[in-house]
Amino acid sequence: MRFSAPPLSSSVPSSLAGAPPLSHQVLVERVLTLWLHENRDTHSIATELGIDGDEVCKIIEQSEGRRP
């Protein structure tokens, strides 16, 4: 009897297939640290963290009590 392994995408959690994703709370803290304490622009934050620029803006707006 021959067994075949399941496709890699279904057998390996996405966090192990590439760079592990940051938890949302860690991501929020990192975005706000870069924004507030390092005076970074949204594009450079998005590039460094590997997320979409819209997500960076949403995090900043929510921290300021605004709705995105």
PDB file of N, CA and C in Angstrom:
ATOM      1  N   MET A   1       0.828  -1.169   0.000  1.00  0.00           N
ATOM      2  CA  MET A   1       0.000   0.000   0.000  1.00  0.00           C
ATOM      3  C   MET A   1       0.881   1.244   0.000  1.00  0.00           C
ATOM      4  N   ARG A   2       0.476   2.206  -0.788  1.00  0.00           N
ATOM      5  CA  ARG A   2       1.262   3.424  -0.899  1.00  0.00           C
ATOM      6  C   ARG A   2       0.515   4.603  -0.300  1.00  0.00           C
ATOM      7  N   PHE A   3       1.178   5.373   0.509  1.00  0.00           N
ATOM      8  CA  PHE A   3       0.566   6.563   1.091  1.00  0.00           C
ATOM      9  C   PHE A   3       1.224   7.788   0.487  1.00  0.00           C
ATOM     10  N   SER A   4       0.427   8.768   0.236  1.00  0.00           N
ATOM     11  CA  SER A   4       1.010  10.016  -0.261  1.00  0.00           C
ATOM     12  C   SER A   4       0.789  11.106   0.779  1.00  0.00           C
ATOM     13  N   ALA A   5       1.756  11.946   0.885  1.00  0.00           N
ATOM     14  CA  ALA A   5       1.674  13.043   1.852  1.00  0.00           C
ATOM     15  C   ALA A   5       0.659  14.061   1.362  1.00  0.00           C
ATOM     16  N   PRO A   6      -0.048  14.690   2.277  1.00  0.00           N
ATOM     17  CA  PRO A   6      -0.972  15.750   1.857  1.00  0.00           C
ATOM     18  C   PRO A   6      -0.170  16.918   1.296  1.00  0.00           C
ATOM     19  N   PRO A   7      -0.799  17.751   0.507  1.00  0.00           N
ATOM     20  CA  PRO A   7      -0.078  18.914  -0.026  1.00  0.00           C
ATOM     21  C   PRO A   7       0.514  19.735   1.115  1.00  0.00           C
ATOM     22  N   LEU A   8       1.649  20.341   0.863  1.00  0.00           N
ATOM     23  CA  LEU A   8       2.345  21.120   1.885  1.00  0.00           C
ATOM     24  C   LEU A   8       1.443  22.178   2.504  1.00  0.00           C
ATOM     25  N   SER A   9       0.631  22.822   1.681  1.00  0.00           N
ATOM     26  CA  SER A   9      -0.208  23.907   2.193  1.00  0.00           C
ATOM     27  C   SER A   9      -1.203  23.442   3.245  1.00  0.00           C
ATOM     28  N   SER A  10      -1.616  22.180   3.190  1.00  0.00           N
ATOM     29  CA  SER A  10      -2.586  21.722   4.177  1.00  0.00           C
ATOM     30  C   SER A  10      -1.932  21.054   5.375  1.00  0.00           C
ATOM     31  N   SER A  11      -0.663  20.700   5.261  1.00  0.00           N
ATOM     32  CA  SER A  11      -0.021  19.994   6.364  1.00  0.00           C
ATOM     33  C   SER A  11       0.877  20.879   7.216  1.00  0.00           C
ATOM     34  N   VAL A  12       1.234  22.032   6.703  1.00  0.00           N
ATOM     35  CA  VAL A  12       2.118  22.932   7.440  1.00  0.00           C
ATOM     36  C   VAL A  12       1.357  24.214   7.739  1.00  0.00           C
ATOM     37  N   PRO A  13       1.264  24.584   8.996  1.00  0.00           N
ATOM     38  CA  PRO A  13       0.587  25.847   9.316  1.00  0.00           C
ATOM     39  C   PRO A  13       1.252  26.999   8.584  1.00  0.00           C
ATOM     40  N   SER A  14       0.467  27.983   8.191  1.00  0.00           N
ATOM     41  CA  SER A  14       1.018  29.105   7.435  1.00  0.00           C
ATOM     42  C   SER A  14       2.136  29.803   8.190  1.00  0.00           C
ATOM     43  N   SER A  15       2.083  29.775   9.515  1.00  0.00           N
ATOM     44  CA  SER A  15       3.132  30.434  10.286  1.00  0.00           C
ATOM     45  C   SER A  15       4.475  29.728  10.151  1.00  0.00           C
ATOM     46  N   LEU A  16       4.468  28.466   9.727  1.00  0.00           N
ATOM     47  CA  LEU A  16       5.721  27.744   9.540  1.00  0.00           C
ATOM     48  C   LEU A  16       6.168  27.754   8.093  1.00  0.00           C
ATOM     49  N   ALA A  17       5.276  28.070   7.178  1.00  0.00           N
ATOM     50  CA  ALA A  17       5.599  28.038   5.762  1.00  0.00           C
ATOM     51  C   ALA A  17       6.464  29.229   5.359  1.00  0.00           C
ATOM     52  N   GLY A  18       6.371  30.326   6.074  1.00  0.00           N
ATOM     53  CA  GLY A  18       7.159  31.513   5.771  1.00  0.00           C
ATOM     54  C   GLY A  18       7.470  32.228   7.060  1.00  0.00           C
ATOM     55  N   ALA A  19       7.610  33.523   6.961  1.00  0.00           N
ATOM     56  CA  ALA A  19       7.840  34.299   8.177  1.00  0.00           C
ATOM     57  C   ALA A  19       6.582  34.245   9.039  1.00  0.00           C
ATOM     58  N   PRO A  20       6.737  34.034  10.330  1.00  0.00           N
ATOM     59  CA  PRO A  20       5.552  33.948  11.182  1.00  0.00           C
ATOM     60  C   PRO A  20       4.841  35.294  11.248  1.00  0.00           C
ATOM     61  N   PRO A  21       3.521  35.284  11.108  1.00  0.00           N
ATOM     62  CA  PRO A  21       2.790  36.548  11.182  1.00  0.00           C
ATOM     63  C   PRO A  21       2.778  37.071  12.613  1.00  0.00           C
ATOM     64  N   LEU A  22       2.796  38.366  12.726  1.00  0.00           N
ATOM     65  CA  LEU A  22       2.731  38.966  14.054  1.00  0.00           C
ATOM     66  C   LEU A  22       1.304  38.858  14.572  1.00  0.00           C
ATOM     67  N   SER A  23       1.157  38.638  15.868  1.00  0.00           N
ATOM     68  CA  SER A  23      -0.189  38.662  16.430  1.00  0.00           C
ATOM     69  C   SER A  23      -0.716  40.083  16.248  1.00  0.00           C
ATOM     70  N   HIS A  24      -2.024  40.220  16.208  1.00  0.00           N
ATOM     71  CA  HIS A  24      -2.605  41.540  15.948  1.00  0.00           C
ATOM     72  C   HIS A  24      -2.173  42.557  17.003  1.00  0.00           C
ATOM     73  N   GLN A  25      -2.166  42.163  18.255  1.00  0.00           N
ATOM     74  CA  GLN A  25      -1.784  43.099  19.322  1.00  0.00           C
ATOM     75  C   GLN A  25      -0.331  43.550  19.171  1.00  0.00           C
ATOM     76  N   VAL A  26       0.550  42.626  18.855  1.00  0.00           N
ATOM     77  CA  VAL A  26       1.963  42.976  18.653  1.00  0.00           C
ATOM     78  C   VAL A  26       2.094  43.893  17.443  1.00  0.00           C
ATOM     79  N   LEU A  27       1.328  43.597  16.404  1.00  0.00           N
ATOM     80  CA  LEU A  27       1.354  44.422  15.201  1.00  0.00           C
ATOM     81  C   LEU A  27       0.912  45.853  15.517  1.00  0.00           C
ATOM     82  N   VAL A  28      -0.174  45.995  16.258  1.00  0.00           N
ATOM     83  CA  VAL A  28      -0.672  47.322  16.638  1.00  0.00           C
ATOM     84  C   VAL A  28       0.389  48.070  17.441  1.00  0.00           C
ATOM     85  N   GLU A  29       0.977  47.404  18.413  1.00  0.00           N
ATOM     86  CA  GLU A  29       2.008  48.047  19.236  1.00  0.00           C
ATOM     87  C   GLU A  29       3.206  48.476  18.400  1.00  0.00           C
ATOM     88  N   ARG A  30       3.601  47.632  17.469  1.00  0.00           N
ATOM     89  CA  ARG A  30       4.765  47.957  16.624  1.00  0.00           C
ATOM     90  C   ARG A  30       4.461  49.145  15.711  1.00  0.00           C
ATOM     91  N   VAL A  31       3.267  49.132  15.089  1.00  0.00           N
ATOM     92  CA  VAL A  31       2.868  50.247  14.219  1.00  0.00           C
ATOM     93  C   VAL A  31       2.870  51.553  15.006  1.00  0.00           C
ATOM     94  N   LEU A  32       2.257  51.538  16.187  1.00  0.00           N
ATOM     95  CA  LEU A  32       2.157  52.773  16.970  1.00  0.00           C
ATOM     96  C   LEU A  32       3.508  53.242  17.493  1.00  0.00           C
ATOM     97  N   THR A  33       4.380  52.310  17.820  1.00  0.00           N
ATOM     98  CA  THR A  33       5.731  52.688  18.252  1.00  0.00           C
ATOM     99  C   THR A  33       6.472  53.386  17.118  1.00  0.00           C
ATOM    100  N   LEU A  34       6.406  52.801  15.936  1.00  0.00           N
ATOM    101  CA  LEU A  34       7.086  53.407  14.786  1.00  0.00           C
ATOM    102  C   LEU A  34       6.473  54.761  14.437  1.00  0.00           C
ATOM    103  N   TRP A  35       5.165  54.870  14.537  1.00  0.00           N
ATOM    104  CA  TRP A  35       4.448  56.096  14.186  1.00  0.00           C
ATOM    105  C   TRP A  35       4.677  57.203  15.219  1.00  0.00           C
ATOM    106  N   LEU A  36       4.488  56.886  16.485  1.00  0.00           N
ATOM    107  CA  LEU A  36       4.518  57.914  17.528  1.00  0.00           C
ATOM    108  C   LEU A  36       5.913  58.230  18.052  1.00  0.00           C
ATOM    109  N   HIS A  37       6.742  57.219  18.195  1.00  0.00           N
ATOM    110  CA  HIS A  37       8.040  57.434  18.843  1.00  0.00           C
ATOM    111  C   HIS A  37       9.195  57.582  17.861  1.00  0.00           C
ATOM    112  N   GLU A  38       9.042  56.991  16.690  1.00  0.00           N
ATOM    113  CA  GLU A  38      10.124  57.098  15.704  1.00  0.00           C
ATOM    114  C   GLU A  38       9.756  58.022  14.548  1.00  0.00           C
ATOM    115  N   ASN A  39       8.538  58.602  14.620  1.00  0.00           N
ATOM    116  CA  ASN A  39       8.075  59.555  13.603  1.00  0.00           C
ATOM    117  C   ASN A  39       8.215  59.034  12.175  1.00  0.00           C
ATOM    118  N   ARG A  40       7.870  57.781  11.990  1.00  0.00           N
ATOM    119  CA  ARG A  40       7.972  57.162  10.665  1.00  0.00           C
ATOM    120  C   ARG A  40       6.703  57.418   9.865  1.00  0.00           C
ATOM    121  N   ASP A  41       6.830  57.423   8.551  1.00  0.00           N
ATOM    122  CA  ASP A  41       5.658  57.587   7.699  1.00  0.00           C
ATOM    123  C   ASP A  41       4.980  56.232   7.481  1.00  0.00           C
ATOM    124  N   THR A  42       3.715  56.286   7.069  1.00  0.00           N
ATOM    125  CA  THR A  42       2.928  55.054   6.948  1.00  0.00           C
ATOM    126  C   THR A  42       3.509  54.087   5.922  1.00  0.00           C
ATOM    127  N   HIS A  43       4.073  54.618   4.835  1.00  0.00           N
ATOM    128  CA  HIS A  43       4.639  53.742   3.804  1.00  0.00           C
ATOM    129  C   HIS A  43       5.834  52.953   4.346  1.00  0.00           C
ATOM    130  N   SER A  44       6.721  53.619   5.064  1.00  0.00           N
ATOM    131  CA  SER A  44       7.899  52.914   5.586  1.00  0.00           C
ATOM    132  C   SER A  44       7.506  51.901   6.661  1.00  0.00           C
ATOM    133  N   ILE A  45       6.467  52.222   7.443  1.00  0.00           N
ATOM    134  CA  ILE A  45       5.984  51.270   8.450  1.00  0.00           C
ATOM    135  C   ILE A  45       5.434  50.030   7.758  1.00  0.00           C
ATOM    136  N   ALA A  46       4.604  50.244   6.738  1.00  0.00           N
ATOM    137  CA  ALA A  46       4.016  49.123   6.002  1.00  0.00           C
ATOM    138  C   ALA A  46       5.098  48.254   5.373  1.00  0.00           C
ATOM    139  N   THR A  47       6.093  48.884   4.796  1.00  0.00           N
ATOM    140  CA  THR A  47       7.182  48.141   4.158  1.00  0.00           C
ATOM    141  C   THR A  47       7.961  47.331   5.181  1.00  0.00           C
ATOM    142  N   GLU A  48       8.314  47.940   6.297  1.00  0.00           N
ATOM    143  CA  GLU A  48       9.098  47.242   7.320  1.00  0.00           C
ATOM    144  C   GLU A  48       8.345  46.056   7.915  1.00  0.00           C
ATOM    145  N   LEU A  49       7.044  46.236   8.148  1.00  0.00           N
ATOM    146  CA  LEU A  49       6.266  45.182   8.796  1.00  0.00           C
ATOM    147  C   LEU A  49       5.647  44.206   7.803  1.00  0.00           C
ATOM    148  N   GLY A  50       5.752  44.513   6.520  1.00  0.00           N
ATOM    149  CA  GLY A  50       5.221  43.608   5.502  1.00  0.00           C
ATOM    150  C   GLY A  50       3.705  43.554   5.468  1.00  0.00           C
ATOM    151  N   ILE A  51       3.075  44.706   5.746  1.00  0.00           N
ATOM    152  CA  ILE A  51       1.613  44.766   5.696  1.00  0.00           C
ATOM    153  C   ILE A  51       1.192  45.870   4.739  1.00  0.00           C
ATOM    154  N   ASP A  52      -0.088  45.894   4.432  1.00  0.00           N
ATOM    155  CA  ASP A  52      -0.640  46.879   3.517  1.00  0.00           C
ATOM    156  C   ASP A  52      -0.677  48.260   4.180  1.00  0.00           C
ATOM    157  N   GLY A  53      -0.424  49.291   3.401  1.00  0.00           N
ATOM    158  CA  GLY A  53      -0.459  50.652   3.923  1.00  0.00           C
ATOM    159  C   GLY A  53      -1.812  51.034   4.494  1.00  0.00           C
ATOM    160  N   ASP A  54      -2.886  50.503   3.901  1.00  0.00           N
ATOM    161  CA  ASP A  54      -4.229  50.781   4.421  1.00  0.00           C
ATOM    162  C   ASP A  54      -4.398  50.225   5.830  1.00  0.00           C
ATOM    163  N   GLU A  55      -3.785  49.073   6.092  1.00  0.00           N
ATOM    164  CA  GLU A  55      -3.855  48.473   7.430  1.00  0.00           C
ATOM    165  C   GLU A  55      -3.133  49.365   8.443  1.00  0.00           C
ATOM    166  N   VAL A  56      -1.998  49.922   8.046  1.00  0.00           N
ATOM    167  CA  VAL A  56      -1.261  50.842   8.923  1.00  0.00           C
ATOM    168  C   VAL A  56      -2.140  52.049   9.256  1.00  0.00           C
ATOM    169  N   CYS A  57      -2.768  52.626   8.241  1.00  0.00           N
ATOM    170  CA  CYS A  57      -3.630  53.790   8.458  1.00  0.00           C
ATOM    171  C   CYS A  57      -4.801  53.442   9.367  1.00  0.00           C
ATOM    172  N   LYS A  58      -5.385  52.274   9.163  1.00  0.00           N
ATOM    173  CA  LYS A  58      -6.518  51.848   9.988  1.00  0.00           C
ATOM    174  C   LYS A  58      -6.109  51.729  11.456  1.00  0.00           C
ATOM    175  N   ILE A  59      -4.949  51.148  11.711  1.00  0.00           N
ATOM    176  CA  ILE A  59      -4.460  50.994  13.086  1.00  0.00           C
ATOM    177  C   ILE A  59      -4.245  52.362  13.729  1.00  0.00           C
ATOM    178  N   ILE A  60      -3.631  53.276  12.994  1.00  0.00           N
ATOM    179  CA  ILE A  60      -3.368  54.620  13.524  1.00  0.00           C
ATOM    180  C   ILE A  60      -4.679  55.353  13.796  1.00  0.00           C
ATOM    181  N   GLU A  61      -5.605  55.290  12.852  1.00  0.00           N
ATOM    182  CA  GLU A  61      -6.889  55.973  13.019  1.00  0.00           C
ATOM    183  C   GLU A  61      -7.661  55.424  14.215  1.00  0.00           C
ATOM    184  N   GLN A  62      -7.671  54.114  14.381  1.00  0.00           N
ATOM    185  CA  GLN A  62      -8.376  53.513  15.514  1.00  0.00           C
ATOM    186  C   GLN A  62      -7.734  53.919  16.836  1.00  0.00           C
ATOM    187  N   SER A  63      -6.413  54.045  16.856  1.00  0.00           N
ATOM    188  CA  SER A  63      -5.736  54.434  18.098  1.00  0.00           C
ATOM    189  C   SER A  63      -6.066  55.869  18.485  1.00  0.00           C
ATOM    190  N   GLU A  64      -6.421  56.677  17.491  1.00  0.00           N
ATOM    191  CA  GLU A  64      -6.775  58.071  17.738  1.00  0.00           C
ATOM    192  C   GLU A  64      -8.278  58.241  17.957  1.00  0.00           C
ATOM    193  N   GLY A  65      -8.996  57.124  18.001  1.00  0.00           N
ATOM    194  CA  GLY A  65     -10.428  57.177  18.242  1.00  0.00           C
ATOM    195  C   GLY A  65     -11.259  57.489  17.017  1.00  0.00           C
ATOM    196  N   ARG A  66     -10.626  57.447  15.850  1.00  0.00           N
ATOM    197  CA  ARG A  66     -11.360  57.690  14.604  1.00  0.00           C
ATOM    198  C   ARG A  66     -11.758  56.367  13.993  1.00  0.00           C
ATOM    199  N   ARG A  67     -12.828  56.406  13.254  1.00  0.00           N
ATOM    200  CA  ARG A  67     -13.244  55.204  12.525  1.00  0.00           C
ATOM    201  C   ARG A  67     -12.634  55.258  11.142  1.00  0.00           C
ATOM    202  N   PRO A  68     -12.034  54.171  10.706  1.00  0.00           N
ATOM    203  CA  PRO A  68     -11.425  54.171   9.361  1.00  0.00           C
ATOM    204  C   PRO A  68     -12.467  54.232   8.265  1.00  0.00           C
TER     205      PRO A  68
END
